[in-house]
Amino acid sequence: EGNEPGDSTKITYRELLHKVCQFANVLHSQGVKKGDRVSIYLPMILELVIAMLACARIGALHSVVFAGFSADSLCERILDCSCSLLIT
């Protein structure tokens, strides 16, 4: 369910697993490995869930930053947790 009324997406568990595995492979190809920290800066969309699950799948720690935060706030959070990758 999205932020707006009527904004929703349906996906099967099989489709979700496929997308999570695909994105986990993308993260792996970018050099993200177990124990790395990743920041996720996305609105409430399906890709946010996929990114979180992909991080968990490869053992990377993720930090979700609300998409309404300013650039300065985002920068502080990235520096505080020493992120190796930002997903937007």
PDB file of N, CA and C in Angstrom:
ATOM      1  N   GLU A   1       0.842  -1.182   0.000  1.00  0.00           N
ATOM      2  CA  GLU A   1       0.000   0.000   0.000  1.00  0.00           C
ATOM      3  C   GLU A   1       0.884   1.240   0.000  1.00  0.00           C
ATOM      4  N   GLY A   2       0.561   2.176  -0.867  1.00  0.00           N
ATOM      5  CA  GLY A   2       1.319   3.419  -0.953  1.00  0.00           C
ATOM      6  C   GLY A   2       0.764   4.485  -0.021  1.00  0.00           C
ATOM      7  N   ASN A   3       1.284   5.683  -0.137  1.00  0.00           N
ATOM      8  CA  ASN A   3       0.854   6.785   0.710  1.00  0.00           C
ATOM      9  C   ASN A   3      -0.506   7.333   0.302  1.00  0.00           C
ATOM     10  N   GLU A   4      -0.793   7.323  -0.979  1.00  0.00           N
ATOM     11  CA  GLU A   4      -2.047   7.860  -1.491  1.00  0.00           C
ATOM     12  C   GLU A   4      -3.136   6.791  -1.471  1.00  0.00           C
ATOM     13  N   PRO A   5      -4.377   7.179  -1.181  1.00  0.00           N
ATOM     14  CA  PRO A   5      -5.469   6.202  -1.233  1.00  0.00           C
ATOM     15  C   PRO A   5      -5.601   5.616  -2.643  1.00  0.00           C
ATOM     16  N   GLY A   6      -5.767   4.329  -2.700  1.00  0.00           N
ATOM     17  CA  GLY A   6      -5.881   3.666  -3.995  1.00  0.00           C
ATOM     18  C   GLY A   6      -4.555   3.345  -4.654  1.00  0.00           C
ATOM     19  N   ASP A   7      -3.454   3.757  -4.047  1.00  0.00           N
ATOM     20  CA  ASP A   7      -2.117   3.488  -4.586  1.00  0.00           C
ATOM     21  C   ASP A   7      -1.619   2.174  -3.993  1.00  0.00           C
ATOM     22  N   SER A   8      -1.764   1.102  -4.756  1.00  0.00           N
ATOM     23  CA  SER A   8      -1.333  -0.205  -4.258  1.00  0.00           C
ATOM     24  C   SER A   8      -0.794  -1.048  -5.407  1.00  0.00           C
ATOM     25  N   THR A   9      -0.022  -2.046  -5.060  1.00  0.00           N
ATOM     26  CA  THR A   9       0.557  -2.971  -6.025  1.00  0.00           C
ATOM     27  C   THR A   9       0.389  -4.375  -5.492  1.00  0.00           C
ATOM     28  N   LYS A  10       0.108  -5.298  -6.388  1.00  0.00           N
ATOM     29  CA  LYS A  10       0.003  -6.703  -5.993  1.00  0.00           C
ATOM     30  C   LYS A  10       1.143  -7.474  -6.647  1.00  0.00           C
ATOM     31  N   ILE A  11       1.717  -8.378  -5.855  1.00  0.00           N
ATOM     32  CA  ILE A  11       2.840  -9.176  -6.340  1.00  0.00           C
ATOM     33  C   ILE A  11       2.777 -10.527  -5.629  1.00  0.00           C
ATOM     34  N   THR A  12       3.147 -11.573  -6.325  1.00  0.00           N
ATOM     35  CA  THR A  12       3.152 -12.888  -5.702  1.00  0.00           C
ATOM     36  C   THR A  12       4.479 -13.091  -4.967  1.00  0.00           C
ATOM     37  N   TYR A  13       4.504 -14.074  -4.079  1.00  0.00           N
ATOM     38  CA  TYR A  13       5.747 -14.380  -3.376  1.00  0.00           C
ATOM     39  C   TYR A  13       6.830 -14.816  -4.360  1.00  0.00           C
ATOM     40  N   ARG A  14       6.452 -15.539  -5.389  1.00  0.00           N
ATOM     41  CA  ARG A  14       7.432 -15.978  -6.387  1.00  0.00           C
ATOM     42  C   ARG A  14       8.039 -14.786  -7.122  1.00  0.00           C
ATOM     43  N   GLU A  15       7.189 -13.830  -7.510  1.00  0.00           N
ATOM     44  CA  GLU A  15       7.682 -12.622  -8.186  1.00  0.00           C
ATOM     45  C   GLU A  15       8.580 -11.813  -7.258  1.00  0.00           C
ATOM     46  N   LEU A  16       8.170 -11.705  -5.998  1.00  0.00           N
ATOM     47  CA  LEU A  16       8.983 -10.968  -5.025  1.00  0.00           C
ATOM     48  C   LEU A  16      10.343 -11.632  -4.841  1.00  0.00           C
ATOM     49  N   LEU A  17      10.357 -12.949  -4.695  1.00  0.00           N
ATOM     50  CA  LEU A  17      11.620 -13.665  -4.542  1.00  0.00           C
ATOM     51  C   LEU A  17      12.523 -13.440  -5.750  1.00  0.00           C
ATOM     52  N   HIS A  18      11.952 -13.490  -6.944  1.00  0.00           N
ATOM     53  CA  HIS A  18      12.733 -13.282  -8.167  1.00  0.00           C
ATOM     54  C   HIS A  18      13.353 -11.882  -8.183  1.00  0.00           C
ATOM     55  N   LYS A  19      12.555 -10.855  -7.853  1.00  0.00           N
ATOM     56  CA  LYS A  19      13.065  -9.484  -7.851  1.00  0.00           C
ATOM     57  C   LYS A  19      14.116  -9.269  -6.760  1.00  0.00           C
ATOM     58  N   VAL A  20      13.904  -9.874  -5.590  1.00  0.00           N
ATOM     59  CA  VAL A  20      14.869  -9.750  -4.493  1.00  0.00           C
ATOM     60  C   VAL A  20      16.195 -10.396  -4.880  1.00  0.00           C
ATOM     61  N   CYS A  21      16.138 -11.578  -5.471  1.00  0.00           N
ATOM     62  CA  CYS A  21      17.371 -12.253  -5.898  1.00  0.00           C
ATOM     63  C   CYS A  21      18.094 -11.457  -6.976  1.00  0.00           C
ATOM     64  N   GLN A  22      17.331 -10.885  -7.914  1.00  0.00           N
ATOM     65  CA  GLN A  22      17.943 -10.057  -8.955  1.00  0.00           C
ATOM     66  C   GLN A  22      18.669  -8.867  -8.329  1.00  0.00           C
ATOM     67  N   PHE A  23      18.004  -8.186  -7.405  1.00  0.00           N
ATOM     68  CA  PHE A  23      18.618  -7.003  -6.815  1.00  0.00           C
ATOM     69  C   PHE A  23      19.776  -7.373  -5.901  1.00  0.00           C
ATOM     70  N   ALA A  24      19.686  -8.514  -5.243  1.00  0.00           N
ATOM     71  CA  ALA A  24      20.813  -8.981  -4.432  1.00  0.00           C
ATOM     72  C   ALA A  24      22.036  -9.207  -5.318  1.00  0.00           C
ATOM     73  N   ASN A  25      21.824  -9.728  -6.523  1.00  0.00           N
ATOM     74  CA  ASN A  25      22.929  -9.908  -7.472  1.00  0.00           C
ATOM     75  C   ASN A  25      23.497  -8.568  -7.921  1.00  0.00           C
ATOM     76  N   VAL A  26      22.629  -7.565  -8.096  1.00  0.00           N
ATOM     77  CA  VAL A  26      23.106  -6.223  -8.453  1.00  0.00           C
ATOM     78  C   VAL A  26      23.970  -5.666  -7.324  1.00  0.00           C
ATOM     79  N   LEU A  27      23.499  -5.791  -6.093  1.00  0.00           N
ATOM     80  CA  LEU A  27      24.287  -5.309  -4.951  1.00  0.00           C
ATOM     81  C   LEU A  27      25.628  -6.032  -4.882  1.00  0.00           C
ATOM     82  N   HIS A  28      25.594  -7.337  -5.069  1.00  0.00           N
ATOM     83  CA  HIS A  28      26.823  -8.131  -5.036  1.00  0.00           C
ATOM     84  C   HIS A  28      27.792  -7.672  -6.127  1.00  0.00           C
ATOM     85  N   SER A  29      27.267  -7.380  -7.326  1.00  0.00           N
ATOM     86  CA  SER A  29      28.131  -6.932  -8.425  1.00  0.00           C
ATOM     87  C   SER A  29      28.720  -5.547  -8.150  1.00  0.00           C
ATOM     88  N   GLN A  30      28.074  -4.769  -7.275  1.00  0.00           N
ATOM     89  CA  GLN A  30      28.593  -3.462  -6.892  1.00  0.00           C
ATOM     90  C   GLN A  30      29.585  -3.556  -5.722  1.00  0.00           C
ATOM     91  N   GLY A  31      29.858  -4.770  -5.277  1.00  0.00           N
ATOM     92  CA  GLY A  31      30.848  -4.975  -4.226  1.00  0.00           C
ATOM     93  C   GLY A  31      30.287  -5.005  -2.819  1.00  0.00           C
ATOM     94  N   VAL A  32      28.977  -4.992  -2.678  1.00  0.00           N
ATOM     95  CA  VAL A  32      28.366  -5.055  -1.346  1.00  0.00           C
ATOM     96  C   VAL A  32      28.442  -6.488  -0.841  1.00  0.00           C
ATOM     97  N   LYS A  33      28.906  -6.646   0.390  1.00  0.00           N
ATOM     98  CA  LYS A  33      29.040  -7.990   0.953  1.00  0.00           C
ATOM     99  C   LYS A  33      28.514  -8.010   2.385  1.00  0.00           C
ATOM    100  N   LYS A  34      28.538  -9.163   2.981  1.00  0.00           N
ATOM    101  CA  LYS A  34      28.028  -9.346   4.339  1.00  0.00           C
ATOM    102  C   LYS A  34      28.712  -8.365   5.294  1.00  0.00           C
ATOM    103  N   GLY A  35      27.906  -7.677   6.104  1.00  0.00           N
ATOM    104  CA  GLY A  35      28.434  -6.735   7.076  1.00  0.00           C
ATOM    105  C   GLY A  35      28.539  -5.303   6.575  1.00  0.00           C
ATOM    106  N   ASP A  36      28.463  -5.093   5.256  1.00  0.00           N
ATOM    107  CA  ASP A  36      28.489  -3.723   4.724  1.00  0.00           C
ATOM    108  C   ASP A  36      27.204  -2.999   5.103  1.00  0.00           C
ATOM    109  N   ARG A  37      27.273  -1.677   5.118  1.00  0.00           N
ATOM    110  CA  ARG A  37      26.111  -0.867   5.445  1.00  0.00           C
ATOM    111  C   ARG A  37      25.616  -0.147   4.192  1.00  0.00           C
ATOM    112  N   VAL A  38      24.308  -0.196   3.995  1.00  0.00           N
ATOM    113  CA  VAL A  38      23.668   0.384   2.816  1.00  0.00           C
ATOM    114  C   VAL A  38      22.547   1.303   3.278  1.00  0.00           C
ATOM    115  N   SER A  39      22.487   2.519   2.724  1.00  0.00           N
ATOM    116  CA  SER A  39      21.374   3.427   3.006  1.00  0.00           C
ATOM    117  C   SER A  39      20.376   3.340   1.861  1.00  0.00           C
ATOM    118  N   ILE A  40      19.103   3.369   2.222  1.00  0.00           N
ATOM    119  CA  ILE A  40      18.036   3.312   1.228  1.00  0.00           C
ATOM    120  C   ILE A  40      17.210   4.581   1.377  1.00  0.00           C
ATOM    121  N   TYR A  41      17.142   5.377   0.300  1.00  0.00           N
ATOM    122  CA  TYR A  41      16.435   6.656   0.290  1.00  0.00           C
ATOM    123  C   TYR A  41      15.362   6.588  -0.786  1.00  0.00           C
ATOM    124  N   LEU A  42      14.220   6.002  -0.433  1.00  0.00           N
ATOM    125  CA  LEU A  42      13.131   5.786  -1.380  1.00  0.00           C
ATOM    126  C   LEU A  42      11.789   6.104  -0.720  1.00  0.00           C
ATOM    127  N   PRO A  43      10.803   6.466  -1.534  1.00  0.00           N
ATOM    128  CA  PRO A  43       9.444   6.612  -0.982  1.00  0.00           C
ATOM    129  C   PRO A  43       8.836   5.233  -0.741  1.00  0.00           C
ATOM    130  N   MET A  44       7.606   5.201  -0.265  1.00  0.00           N
ATOM    131  CA  MET A  44       6.930   3.938   0.022  1.00  0.00           C
ATOM    132  C   MET A  44       6.486   3.266  -1.285  1.00  0.00           C
ATOM    133  N   ILE A  45       7.425   2.585  -1.925  1.00  0.00           N
ATOM    134  CA  ILE A  45       7.146   1.871  -3.167  1.00  0.00           C
ATOM    135  C   ILE A  45       7.670   0.445  -3.022  1.00  0.00           C
ATOM    136  N   LEU A  46       7.292  -0.396  -3.945  1.00  0.00           N
ATOM    137  CA  LEU A  46       7.684  -1.806  -3.891  1.00  0.00           C
ATOM    138  C   LEU A  46       9.207  -1.972  -3.899  1.00  0.00           C
ATOM    139  N   GLU A  47       9.896  -1.104  -4.609  1.00  0.00           N
ATOM    140  CA  GLU A  47      11.350  -1.205  -4.699  1.00  0.00           C
ATOM    141  C   GLU A  47      12.032  -1.019  -3.342  1.00  0.00           C
ATOM    142  N   LEU A  48      11.393  -0.291  -2.433  1.00  0.00           N
ATOM    143  CA  LEU A  48      11.938  -0.142  -1.079  1.00  0.00           C
ATOM    144  C   LEU A  48      11.987  -1.491  -0.383  1.00  0.00           C
ATOM    145  N   VAL A  49      10.907  -2.236  -0.454  1.00  0.00           N
ATOM    146  CA  VAL A  49      10.848  -3.569   0.170  1.00  0.00           C
ATOM    147  C   VAL A  49      11.847  -4.501  -0.490  1.00  0.00           C
ATOM    148  N   ILE A  50      11.937  -4.447  -1.803  1.00  0.00           N
ATOM    149  CA  ILE A  50      12.873  -5.309  -2.534  1.00  0.00           C
ATOM    150  C   ILE A  50      14.311  -4.998  -2.119  1.00  0.00           C
ATOM    151  N   ALA A  51      14.648  -3.717  -1.998  1.00  0.00           N
ATOM    152  CA  ALA A  51      16.006  -3.328  -1.600  1.00  0.00           C
ATOM    153  C   ALA A  51      16.324  -3.804  -0.183  1.00  0.00           C
ATOM    154  N   MET A  52      15.359  -3.654   0.741  1.00  0.00           N
ATOM    155  CA  MET A  52      15.575  -4.106   2.116  1.00  0.00           C
ATOM    156  C   MET A  52      15.794  -5.610   2.178  1.00  0.00           C
ATOM    157  N   LEU A  53      14.957  -6.362   1.482  1.00  0.00           N
ATOM    158  CA  LEU A  53      15.083  -7.822   1.498  1.00  0.00           C
ATOM    159  C   LEU A  53      16.355  -8.288   0.793  1.00  0.00           C
ATOM    160  N   ALA A  54      16.770  -7.585  -0.261  1.00  0.00           N
ATOM    161  CA  ALA A  54      18.002  -7.943  -0.952  1.00  0.00           C
ATOM    162  C   ALA A  54      19.213  -7.731  -0.045  1.00  0.00           C
ATOM    163  N   CYS A  55      19.202  -6.644   0.719  1.00  0.00           N
ATOM    164  CA  CYS A  55      20.288  -6.405   1.684  1.00  0.00           C
ATOM    165  C   CYS A  55      20.325  -7.527   2.712  1.00  0.00           C
ATOM    166  N   ALA A  56      19.164  -7.876   3.235  1.00  0.00           N
ATOM    167  CA  ALA A  56      19.105  -8.953   4.233  1.00  0.00           C
ATOM    168  C   ALA A  56      19.561 -10.275   3.632  1.00  0.00           C
ATOM    169  N   ARG A  57      19.246 -10.504   2.376  1.00  0.00           N
ATOM    170  CA  ARG A  57      19.602 -11.766   1.717  1.00  0.00           C
ATOM    171  C   ARG A  57      21.119 -11.958   1.632  1.00  0.00           C
ATOM    172  N   ILE A  58      21.857 -10.861   1.392  1.00  0.00           N
ATOM    173  CA  ILE A  58      23.315 -10.994   1.287  1.00  0.00           C
ATOM    174  C   ILE A  58      24.020 -10.677   2.602  1.00  0.00           C
ATOM    175  N   GLY A  59      23.259 -10.303   3.629  1.00  0.00           N
ATOM    176  CA  GLY A  59      23.858 -10.054   4.939  1.00  0.00           C
ATOM    177  C   GLY A  59      24.346  -8.640   5.152  1.00  0.00           C
ATOM    178  N   ALA A  60      23.910  -7.721   4.301  1.00  0.00           N
ATOM    179  CA  ALA A  60      24.289  -6.318   4.466  1.00  0.00           C
ATOM    180  C   ALA A  60      23.289  -5.637   5.400  1.00  0.00           C
ATOM    181  N   LEU A  61      23.778  -4.723   6.201  1.00  0.00           N
ATOM    182  CA  LEU A  61      22.903  -3.953   7.084  1.00  0.00           C
ATOM    183  C   LEU A  61      22.303  -2.804   6.285  1.00  0.00           C
ATOM    184  N   HIS A  62      21.025  -2.536   6.481  1.00  0.00           N
ATOM    185  CA  HIS A  62      20.404  -1.443   5.746  1.00  0.00           C
ATOM    186  C   HIS A  62      19.810  -0.414   6.696  1.00  0.00           C
ATOM    187  N   SER A  63      19.813   0.820   6.240  1.00  0.00           N
ATOM    188  CA  SER A  63      19.241   1.927   6.982  1.00  0.00           C
ATOM    189  C   SER A  63      18.295   2.656   6.037  1.00  0.00           C
ATOM    190  N   VAL A  64      17.013   2.648   6.372  1.00  0.00           N
ATOM    191  CA  VAL A  64      16.019   3.316   5.532  1.00  0.00           C
ATOM    192  C   VAL A  64      15.881   4.759   6.004  1.00  0.00           C
ATOM    193  N   VAL A  65      16.063   5.688   5.073  1.00  0.00           N
ATOM    194  CA  VAL A  65      15.932   7.112   5.361  1.00  0.00           C
ATOM    195  C   VAL A  65      14.665   7.602   4.673  1.00  0.00           C
ATOM    196  N   PHE A  66      13.757   8.197   5.427  1.00  0.00           N
ATOM    197  CA  PHE A  66      12.504   8.711   4.902  1.00  0.00           C
ATOM    198  C   PHE A  66      12.773   9.657   3.733  1.00  0.00           C
ATOM    199  N   ALA A  67      12.052   9.474   2.644  1.00  0.00           N
ATOM    200  CA  ALA A  67      12.303  10.224   1.408  1.00  0.00           C
ATOM    201  C   ALA A  67      12.040  11.716   1.543  1.00  0.00           C
ATOM    202  N   GLY A  68      11.375  12.151   2.614  1.00  0.00           N
ATOM    203  CA  GLY A  68      11.104  13.568   2.803  1.00  0.00           C
ATOM    204  C   GLY A  68      12.244  14.325   3.472  1.00  0.00           C
ATOM    205  N   PHE A  69      13.307  13.646   3.881  1.00  0.00           N
ATOM    206  CA  PHE A  69      14.424  14.301   4.564  1.00  0.00           C
ATOM    207  C   PHE A  69      15.210  15.163   3.573  1.00  0.00           C
ATOM    208  N   SER A  70      15.824  16.197   4.081  1.00  0.00           N
ATOM    209  CA  SER A  70      16.643  17.083   3.250  1.00  0.00           C
ATOM    210  C   SER A  70      17.961  16.411   2.886  1.00  0.00           C
ATOM    211  N   ALA A  71      18.652  17.004   1.940  1.00  0.00           N
ATOM    212  CA  ALA A  71      19.947  16.471   1.514  1.00  0.00           C
ATOM    213  C   ALA A  71      20.952  16.484   2.661  1.00  0.00           C
ATOM    214  N   ASP A  72      20.923  17.530   3.486  1.00  0.00           N
ATOM    215  CA  ASP A  72      21.847  17.610   4.627  1.00  0.00           C
ATOM    216  C   ASP A  72      21.571  16.501   5.641  1.00  0.00           C
ATOM    217  N   SER A  73      20.286  16.241   5.915  1.00  0.00           N
ATOM    218  CA  SER A  73      19.930  15.175   6.856  1.00  0.00           C
ATOM    219  C   SER A  73      20.357  13.816   6.320  1.00  0.00           C
ATOM    220  N   LEU A  74      20.145  13.605   5.038  1.00  0.00           N
ATOM    221  CA  LEU A  74      20.565  12.350   4.402  1.00  0.00           C
ATOM    222  C   LEU A  74      22.074  12.194   4.507  1.00  0.00           C
ATOM    223  N   CYS A  75      22.800  13.258   4.226  1.00  0.00           N
ATOM    224  CA  CYS A  75      24.263  13.225   4.290  1.00  0.00           C
ATOM    225  C   CYS A  75      24.744  12.851   5.689  1.00  0.00           C
ATOM    226  N   GLU A  76      24.136  13.439   6.715  1.00  0.00           N
ATOM    227  CA  GLU A  76      24.521  13.139   8.097  1.00  0.00           C
ATOM    228  C   GLU A  76      24.305  11.664   8.425  1.00  0.00           C
ATOM    229  N   ARG A  77      23.193  11.126   7.995  1.00  0.00           N
ATOM    230  CA  ARG A  77      22.896   9.715   8.278  1.00  0.00           C
ATOM    231  C   ARG A  77      23.859   8.788   7.547  1.00  0.00           C
ATOM    232  N   ILE A  78      24.207   9.146   6.321  1.00  0.00           N
ATOM    233  CA  ILE A  78      25.161   8.325   5.562  1.00  0.00           C
ATOM    234  C   ILE A  78      26.522   8.332   6.252  1.00  0.00           C
ATOM    235  N   LEU A  79      26.961   9.502   6.666  1.00  0.00           N
ATOM    236  CA  LEU A  79      28.267   9.606   7.325  1.00  0.00           C
ATOM    237  C   LEU A  79      28.270   8.935   8.689  1.00  0.00           C
ATOM    238  N   ASP A  80      27.170   9.062   9.434  1.00  0.00           N
ATOM    239  CA  ASP A  80      27.087   8.469  10.771  1.00  0.00           C
ATOM    240  C   ASP A  80      27.222   6.952  10.739  1.00  0.00           C
ATOM    241  N   CYS A  81      26.644   6.313   9.742  1.00  0.00           N
ATOM    242  CA  CYS A  81      26.699   4.840   9.716  1.00  0.00           C
ATOM    243  C   CYS A  81      27.742   4.314   8.725  1.00  0.00           C
ATOM    244  N   SER A  82      28.539   5.200   8.152  1.00  0.00           N
ATOM    245  CA  SER A  82      29.612   4.786   7.232  1.00  0.00           C
ATOM    246  C   SER A  82      29.114   3.876   6.125  1.00  0.00           C
ATOM    247  N   CYS A  83      28.086   4.333   5.427  1.00  0.00           N
ATOM    248  CA  CYS A  83      27.483   3.516   4.361  1.00  0.00           C
ATOM    249  C   CYS A  83      28.434   3.369   3.183  1.00  0.00           C
ATOM    250  N   SER A  84      28.388   2.197   2.570  1.00  0.00           N
ATOM    251  CA  SER A  84      29.206   1.965   1.380  1.00  0.00           C
ATOM    252  C   SER A  84      28.396   2.161   0.107  1.00  0.00           C
ATOM    253  N   LEU A  85      27.056   2.271   0.230  1.00  0.00           N
ATOM    254  CA  LEU A  85      26.206   2.418  -0.942  1.00  0.00           C
ATOM    255  C   LEU A  85      24.920   3.132  -0.553  1.00  0.00           C
ATOM    256  N   LEU A  86      24.433   3.980  -1.450  1.00  0.00           N
ATOM    257  CA  LEU A  86      23.138   4.655  -1.271  1.00  0.00           C
ATOM    258  C   LEU A  86      22.219   4.210  -2.405  1.00  0.00           C
ATOM    259  N   ILE A  87      21.061   3.706  -2.046  1.00  0.00           N
ATOM    260  CA  ILE A  87      20.058   3.302  -3.038  1.00  0.00           C
ATOM    261  C   ILE A  87      18.997   4.381  -3.084  1.00  0.00           C
ATOM    262  N   THR A  88      18.780   4.954  -4.281  1.00  0.00           N
ATOM    263  CA  THR A  88      17.748   5.982  -4.443  1.00  0.00           C
ATOM    264  C   THR A  88      16.806   5.587  -5.557  1.00  0.00           C
TER     265      THR A  88
END
